[in-house]
C-alpha atoms as a PDB file:
ATOM      1  CA  UNK A   1     -21.147 -58.302 -40.601  1.00  0.00           C
ATOM      2  CA  UNK A   2     -21.467 -55.382 -39.167  1.00  0.00           C
ATOM      3  CA  UNK A   3     -22.701 -55.641 -35.238  1.00  0.00           C
ATOM      4  CA  UNK A   4     -25.804 -54.011 -34.548  1.00  0.00           C
ATOM      5  CA  UNK A   5     -26.538 -52.295 -31.736  1.00  0.00           C
ATOM      6  CA  UNK A   6     -30.087 -51.596 -30.412  1.00  0.00           C
ATOM      7  CA  UNK A   7     -30.772 -50.887 -34.225  1.00  0.00           C
ATOM      8  CA  UNK A   8     -27.955 -48.582 -34.471  1.00  0.00           C
ATOM      9  CA  UNK A   9     -24.640 -50.135 -36.670  1.00  0.00           C
ATOM     10  CA  UNK A  10     -22.697 -48.275 -34.028  1.00  0.00           C
ATOM     11  CA  UNK A  11     -22.272 -48.646 -30.683  1.00  0.00           C
ATOM     12  CA  UNK A  12     -24.013 -46.581 -28.505  1.00  0.00           C
ATOM     13  CA  UNK A  13     -22.072 -43.287 -26.305  1.00  0.00           C
ATOM     14  CA  UNK A  14     -22.416 -42.676 -22.970  1.00  0.00           C
ATOM     15  CA  UNK A  15     -24.134 -38.968 -22.242  1.00  0.00           C
ATOM     16  CA  UNK A  16     -25.128 -37.206 -19.562  1.00  0.00           C
ATOM     17  CA  UNK A  17     -28.183 -39.292 -18.420  1.00  0.00           C
ATOM     18  CA  UNK A  18     -25.892 -42.228 -18.544  1.00  0.00           C
ATOM     19  CA  UNK A  19     -25.446 -44.168 -15.181  1.00  0.00           C
ATOM     20  CA  UNK A  20     -22.267 -44.730 -14.127  1.00  0.00           C
ATOM     21  CA  UNK A  21     -20.590 -46.136 -11.112  1.00  0.00           C
ATOM     22  CA  UNK A  22     -17.373 -46.114  -9.886  1.00  0.00           C
ATOM     23  CA  UNK A  23     -15.560 -48.706  -7.992  1.00  0.00           C
ATOM     24  CA  UNK A  24     -13.725 -46.977  -4.568  1.00  0.00           C
ATOM     25  CA  UNK A  25     -11.644 -48.326  -1.970  1.00  0.00           C
ATOM     26  CA  UNK A  26     -11.355 -45.035   0.130  1.00  0.00           C
ATOM     27  CA  UNK A  27     -13.656 -42.253   1.195  1.00  0.00           C
ATOM     28  CA  UNK A  28     -11.308 -40.228  -0.571  1.00  0.00           C
ATOM     29  CA  UNK A  29     -11.774 -41.552  -4.025  1.00  0.00           C
ATOM     30  CA  UNK A  30     -15.923 -41.722  -3.036  1.00  0.00           C
ATOM     31  CA  UNK A  31     -15.444 -37.778  -3.107  1.00  0.00           C
ATOM     32  CA  UNK A  32     -13.274 -38.091  -5.935  1.00  0.00           C
ATOM     33  CA  UNK A  33     -16.247 -39.745  -8.104  1.00  0.00           C
ATOM     34  CA  UNK A  34     -18.550 -37.920  -6.899  1.00  0.00           C
ATOM     35  CA  UNK A  35     -16.486 -34.664  -7.625  1.00  0.00           C
ATOM     36  CA  UNK A  36     -16.227 -36.255 -11.570  1.00  0.00           C
ATOM     37  CA  UNK A  37     -19.668 -36.653 -12.009  1.00  0.00           C
ATOM     38  CA  UNK A  38     -20.040 -40.366 -11.076  1.00  0.00           C
ATOM     39  CA  UNK A  39     -23.577 -41.694 -10.604  1.00  0.00           C
ATOM     40  CA  UNK A  40     -22.983 -43.793  -8.114  1.00  0.00           C
ATOM     41  CA  UNK A  41     -19.526 -45.373  -5.637  1.00  0.00           C
ATOM     42  CA  UNK A  42     -19.549 -48.715  -4.794  1.00  0.00           C
ATOM     43  CA  UNK A  43     -16.689 -49.107  -1.452  1.00  0.00           C
ATOM     44  CA  UNK A  44     -15.277 -51.846  -0.062  1.00  0.00           C
ATOM     45  CA  UNK A  45     -14.339 -54.752   0.456  1.00  0.00           C
ATOM     46  CA  UNK A  46     -16.089 -54.024   3.926  1.00  0.00           C
ATOM     47  CA  UNK A  47     -15.721 -57.158   5.401  1.00  0.00           C
ATOM     48  CA  UNK A  48     -12.751 -59.621   5.655  1.00  0.00           C
ATOM     49  CA  UNK A  49     -12.298 -61.425   2.408  1.00  0.00           C
ATOM     50  CA  UNK A  50      -9.975 -63.239   0.943  1.00  0.00           C
ATOM     51  CA  UNK A  51      -6.474 -61.295  -0.211  1.00  0.00           C
ATOM     52  CA  UNK A  52      -8.440 -58.144   0.934  1.00  0.00           C
ATOM     53  CA  UNK A  53      -8.100 -55.894   3.981  1.00  0.00           C
ATOM     54  CA  UNK A  54     -11.316 -54.657   4.882  1.00  0.00           C
ATOM     55  CA  UNK A  55     -11.876 -51.053   5.051  1.00  0.00           C
ATOM     56  CA  UNK A  56     -14.818 -52.052   7.952  1.00  0.00           C
ATOM     57  CA  UNK A  57     -17.902 -50.333   9.098  1.00  0.00           C
ATOM     58  CA  UNK A  58     -16.517 -46.779  10.101  1.00  0.00           C
ATOM     59  CA  UNK A  59     -14.895 -46.372   6.798  1.00  0.00           C
ATOM     60  CA  UNK A  60     -18.069 -46.911   4.853  1.00  0.00           C
ATOM     61  CA  UNK A  61     -20.092 -44.835   7.055  1.00  0.00           C
ATOM     62  CA  UNK A  62     -17.329 -41.890   6.032  1.00  0.00           C
ATOM     63  CA  UNK A  63     -17.406 -42.910   2.470  1.00  0.00           C
ATOM     64  CA  UNK A  64     -21.384 -42.236   2.018  1.00  0.00           C
ATOM     65  CA  UNK A  65     -21.181 -38.537   3.311  1.00  0.00           C
ATOM     66  CA  UNK A  66     -20.877 -37.424   0.006  1.00  0.00           C
ATOM     67  CA  UNK A  67     -23.574 -36.585  -2.595  1.00  0.00           C
ATOM     68  CA  UNK A  68     -23.983 -39.400  -4.238  1.00  0.00           C
ATOM     69  CA  UNK A  69     -25.420 -42.868  -3.565  1.00  0.00           C
ATOM     70  CA  UNK A  70     -22.675 -45.476  -2.298  1.00  0.00           C
ATOM     71  CA  UNK A  71     -23.279 -49.187  -2.347  1.00  0.00           C
ATOM     72  CA  UNK A  72     -21.755 -51.700   0.610  1.00  0.00           C
ATOM     73  CA  UNK A  73     -19.266 -54.409  -1.258  1.00  0.00           C
ATOM     74  CA  UNK A  74     -17.258 -57.366   0.061  1.00  0.00           C
ATOM     75  CA  UNK A  75     -17.944 -59.978   2.321  1.00  0.00           C
ATOM     76  CA  UNK A  76     -21.600 -58.880   2.879  1.00  0.00           C
ATOM     77  CA  UNK A  77     -23.654 -61.937   4.421  1.00  0.00           C
ATOM     78  CA  UNK A  78     -27.141 -61.969   5.121  1.00  0.00           C
ATOM     79  CA  UNK A  79     -26.102 -61.529   8.576  1.00  0.00           C
ATOM     80  CA  UNK A  80     -24.110 -57.767   8.145  1.00  0.00           C
ATOM     81  CA  UNK A  81     -26.097 -56.506   5.096  1.00  0.00           C
ATOM     82  CA  UNK A  82     -28.021 -54.790   7.681  1.00  0.00           C
ATOM     83  CA  UNK A  83     -25.531 -52.951   9.731  1.00  0.00           C
ATOM     84  CA  UNK A  84     -24.294 -51.272   6.075  1.00  0.00           C
ATOM     85  CA  UNK A  85     -27.197 -49.777   5.690  1.00  0.00           C
ATOM     86  CA  UNK A  86     -26.922 -48.661   9.310  1.00  0.00           C
ATOM     87  CA  UNK A  87     -23.620 -47.059   8.546  1.00  0.00           C
ATOM     88  CA  UNK A  88     -25.682 -44.928   5.486  1.00  0.00           C
ATOM     89  CA  UNK A  89     -25.161 -47.460   2.461  1.00  0.00           C
ATOM     90  CA  UNK A  90     -27.541 -46.807   0.169  1.00  0.00           C
ATOM     91  CA  UNK A  91     -27.222 -50.876  -0.817  1.00  0.00           C
ATOM     92  CA  UNK A  92     -25.172 -53.697  -0.981  1.00  0.00           C
ATOM     93  CA  UNK A  93     -23.495 -54.951  -3.790  1.00  0.00           C
ATOM     94  CA  UNK A  94     -22.426 -58.651  -3.587  1.00  0.00           C
ATOM     95  CA  UNK A  95     -21.355 -61.099  -5.459  1.00  0.00           C
ATOM     96  CA  UNK A  96     -20.500 -64.526  -3.375  1.00  0.00           C
ATOM     97  CA  UNK A  97     -23.802 -63.935  -1.437  1.00  0.00           C
ATOM     98  CA  UNK A  98     -25.542 -64.211  -4.658  1.00  0.00           C
ATOM     99  CA  UNK A  99     -23.465 -67.078  -6.200  1.00  0.00           C
ATOM    100  CA  UNK A 100     -23.642 -69.400  -3.723  1.00  0.00           C
ATOM    101  CA  UNK A 101     -27.700 -68.818  -3.149  1.00  0.00           C
ATOM    102  CA  UNK A 102     -30.893 -68.311  -4.644  1.00  0.00           C
ATOM    103  CA  UNK A 103     -31.069 -65.073  -6.172  1.00  0.00           C
ATOM    104  CA  UNK A 104     -34.502 -64.702  -5.508  1.00  0.00           C
ATOM    105  CA  UNK A 105     -34.428 -65.923  -1.988  1.00  0.00           C
ATOM    106  CA  UNK A 106     -31.592 -63.946  -0.964  1.00  0.00           C
ATOM    107  CA  UNK A 107     -33.628 -61.022  -2.048  1.00  0.00           C
ATOM    108  CA  UNK A 108     -36.503 -61.484  -0.497  1.00  0.00           C
ATOM    109  CA  UNK A 109     -34.597 -62.280   3.055  1.00  0.00           C
ATOM    110  CA  UNK A 110     -32.710 -58.981   2.159  1.00  0.00           C
ATOM    111  CA  UNK A 111     -35.993 -56.878   1.843  1.00  0.00           C
ATOM    112  CA  UNK A 112     -37.328 -58.827   5.125  1.00  0.00           C
END
């Protein structure tokens, strides 16, 4: 049986208006992502997390000096999310913060 995607029998193709985010671990990678027409970058890890050396807020600030939005990722908590925005991030992305808590409550607290 053929799969159907949105009423079409073949998978959709990305277009020039598709949103494409690139995972980056250095400011240079964010510059490269912007140069290659990425819509946004996810930069991290910002804070300490298991098995990963944190980039920190200084490198996040540096990464945010591009012409695309940068989301901070990695070790983000309710206590440190605002510092990512102060460093220039357009927003945050998180895994454990949302997995370990009620998503609606976390979002409400973040938006204050």
